[in-house]
Amino acid sequence: MKRLLLTVLLLTGCSAQANETLDVTLNASKSELEAFEPVTITATVTYHGEPIQNDVEIEFELINPTGNAIGSVTPDSSGDGKYAIETSFDGTGIYKVISHVSYGQLHEMPEIEVKLK
């Protein structure tokens, strides 16, 4: 009986953690651009389907085509769980933007690519 109770408690604990869903969706205003052409990168952050504004830490890491970090930027909040930066890149190739989003004990790191012609 004790094993059954312990198993139920463990499964309940795991289920509670699995239901904690932090969703981060990244979008770029353009996926292909010219060098120095401005692009807006937006992250939409939700927790349990609701946009979050408070107590969220977010940073965008910019990566060049050789895989090296070229800097990190803290985005501005525009409300409704949306955070954005406007930036541009030089050269050619595929650049990545990795968002680092923390909310409580949760952390997500989705990324998006933009191609420079």
Protein backbone atom coordinates (compact mmCIF):
# COMPACT_ATOMS: atom_id res chain seq x y z
CA MET A 1 0.00 0.00 0.00
CA LYS A 2 2.84 2.39 0.84
CA ARG A 3 4.46 1.72 -2.55
CA LEU A 4 1.21 2.48 -4.35
CA LEU A 5 0.81 5.74 -2.44
CA LEU A 6 4.43 6.72 -3.15
CA THR A 7 4.01 5.90 -6.85
CA VAL A 8 0.83 8.01 -7.04
CA LEU A 9 2.56 10.92 -5.29
CA LEU A 10 5.56 10.72 -7.62
CA LEU A 11 3.37 10.60 -10.71
CA THR A 12 1.32 13.53 -9.44
CA GLY A 13 4.49 15.55 -8.88
CA CYS A 14 5.75 14.78 -12.38
CA SER A 15 2.40 15.68 -13.91
CA ALA A 16 2.36 19.02 -12.14
CA GLN A 17 5.78 19.86 -13.55
CA ALA A 18 4.84 18.71 -17.04
CA ASN A 19 1.81 21.02 -17.00
CA GLU A 20 3.98 24.07 -16.40
CA THR A 21 4.27 25.24 -19.97
CA LEU A 22 6.29 28.27 -20.92
CA ASP A 23 5.84 28.90 -24.63
CA VAL A 24 8.07 31.24 -26.60
CA THR A 25 7.42 31.93 -30.27
CA LEU A 26 9.99 33.87 -32.29
CA ASN A 27 9.20 35.73 -35.48
CA ALA A 28 11.27 37.89 -37.84
CA SER A 29 9.72 40.66 -39.93
CA LYS A 30 11.76 39.30 -42.87
CA SER A 31 13.58 35.99 -43.30
CA GLU A 32 15.78 37.16 -46.19
CA LEU A 33 17.43 40.57 -46.25
CA GLU A 34 20.27 42.65 -47.56
CA ALA A 35 23.24 43.66 -45.43
CA PHE A 36 22.35 46.46 -42.98
CA GLU A 37 18.62 46.15 -43.81
CA PRO A 38 16.63 46.52 -40.57
CA VAL A 39 14.75 43.50 -39.25
CA THR A 40 12.44 43.24 -36.24
CA ILE A 41 12.71 40.10 -34.13
CA THR A 42 9.72 39.47 -31.85
CA ALA A 43 9.24 36.92 -29.07
CA THR A 44 5.75 36.15 -27.81
CA VAL A 45 5.90 34.65 -24.31
CA THR A 46 2.98 32.81 -22.72
CA TYR A 47 2.54 30.68 -19.62
CA HIS A 48 -0.44 28.31 -19.60
CA GLY A 49 -1.63 30.11 -22.74
CA GLU A 50 -1.67 33.56 -21.08
CA PRO A 51 0.77 36.32 -22.08
CA ILE A 52 3.25 37.17 -19.35
CA GLN A 53 4.74 40.58 -18.70
CA ASN A 54 6.04 40.47 -15.15
CA ASP A 55 8.91 38.50 -13.65
CA VAL A 56 10.15 37.27 -17.03
CA GLU A 57 13.80 37.57 -18.01
CA ILE A 58 14.50 37.70 -21.73
CA GLU A 59 17.55 38.32 -23.85
CA PHE A 60 18.27 37.83 -27.55
CA GLU A 61 21.69 36.42 -28.45
CA LEU A 62 22.90 37.25 -31.98
CA ILE A 63 25.04 34.62 -33.75
CA ASN A 64 26.98 35.17 -37.00
CA PRO A 65 27.25 32.60 -39.83
CA THR A 66 30.47 31.13 -38.36
CA GLY A 67 28.62 30.33 -35.12
CA ASN A 68 30.20 33.06 -33.00
CA ALA A 69 28.13 35.26 -30.70
CA ILE A 70 28.22 38.88 -31.82
CA GLY A 71 26.27 40.26 -28.88
CA SER A 72 23.20 40.06 -26.71
CA VAL A 73 20.31 42.50 -26.58
CA THR A 74 17.55 42.94 -24.02
CA PRO A 75 14.32 43.46 -25.98
CA ASP A 76 11.67 46.07 -25.26
CA SER A 77 8.24 44.96 -24.08
CA SER A 78 5.32 46.08 -26.21
CA GLY A 79 2.67 44.47 -23.98
CA ASP A 80 0.62 41.28 -24.33
CA GLY A 81 3.70 39.11 -23.75
CA LYS A 82 5.52 40.54 -26.79
CA TYR A 83 9.19 41.52 -26.68
CA ALA A 84 11.04 42.94 -29.69
CA ILE A 85 14.30 44.29 -31.01
CA GLU A 86 15.12 45.97 -34.29
CA THR A 87 18.58 45.17 -35.60
CA SER A 88 20.57 44.67 -38.77
CA PHE A 89 23.43 42.42 -39.79
CA ASP A 90 26.39 42.89 -42.12
CA GLY A 91 27.88 40.46 -44.60
CA THR A 92 26.17 37.45 -46.08
CA GLY A 93 25.07 34.06 -44.80
CA ILE A 94 22.68 32.76 -42.19
CA TYR A 95 22.51 34.58 -38.86
CA LYS A 96 20.74 33.18 -35.81
CA VAL A 97 18.90 34.86 -33.00
CA ILE A 98 18.53 32.72 -29.88
CA SER A 99 16.10 33.92 -27.24
CA HIS A 100 16.92 33.11 -23.63
CA VAL A 101 13.66 33.31 -21.68
CA SER A 102 13.37 32.55 -17.95
CA TYR A 103 10.20 32.59 -15.89
CA GLY A 104 10.44 31.18 -12.39
CA GLN A 105 12.18 27.81 -12.69
CA LEU A 106 11.37 27.50 -16.40
CA HIS A 107 13.78 28.35 -19.23
CA GLU A 108 13.27 28.21 -23.00
CA MET A 109 15.77 28.93 -25.79
CA PRO A 110 14.04 28.93 -29.19
CA GLU A 111 15.94 30.32 -32.14
CA ILE A 112 15.22 31.83 -35.52
CA GLU A 113 17.37 32.29 -38.62
CA VAL A 114 17.64 35.17 -41.06
CA LYS A 115 19.49 34.92 -44.35
CA LEU A 116 21.53 37.77 -45.74
CA LYS A 117 21.93 37.81 -49.52
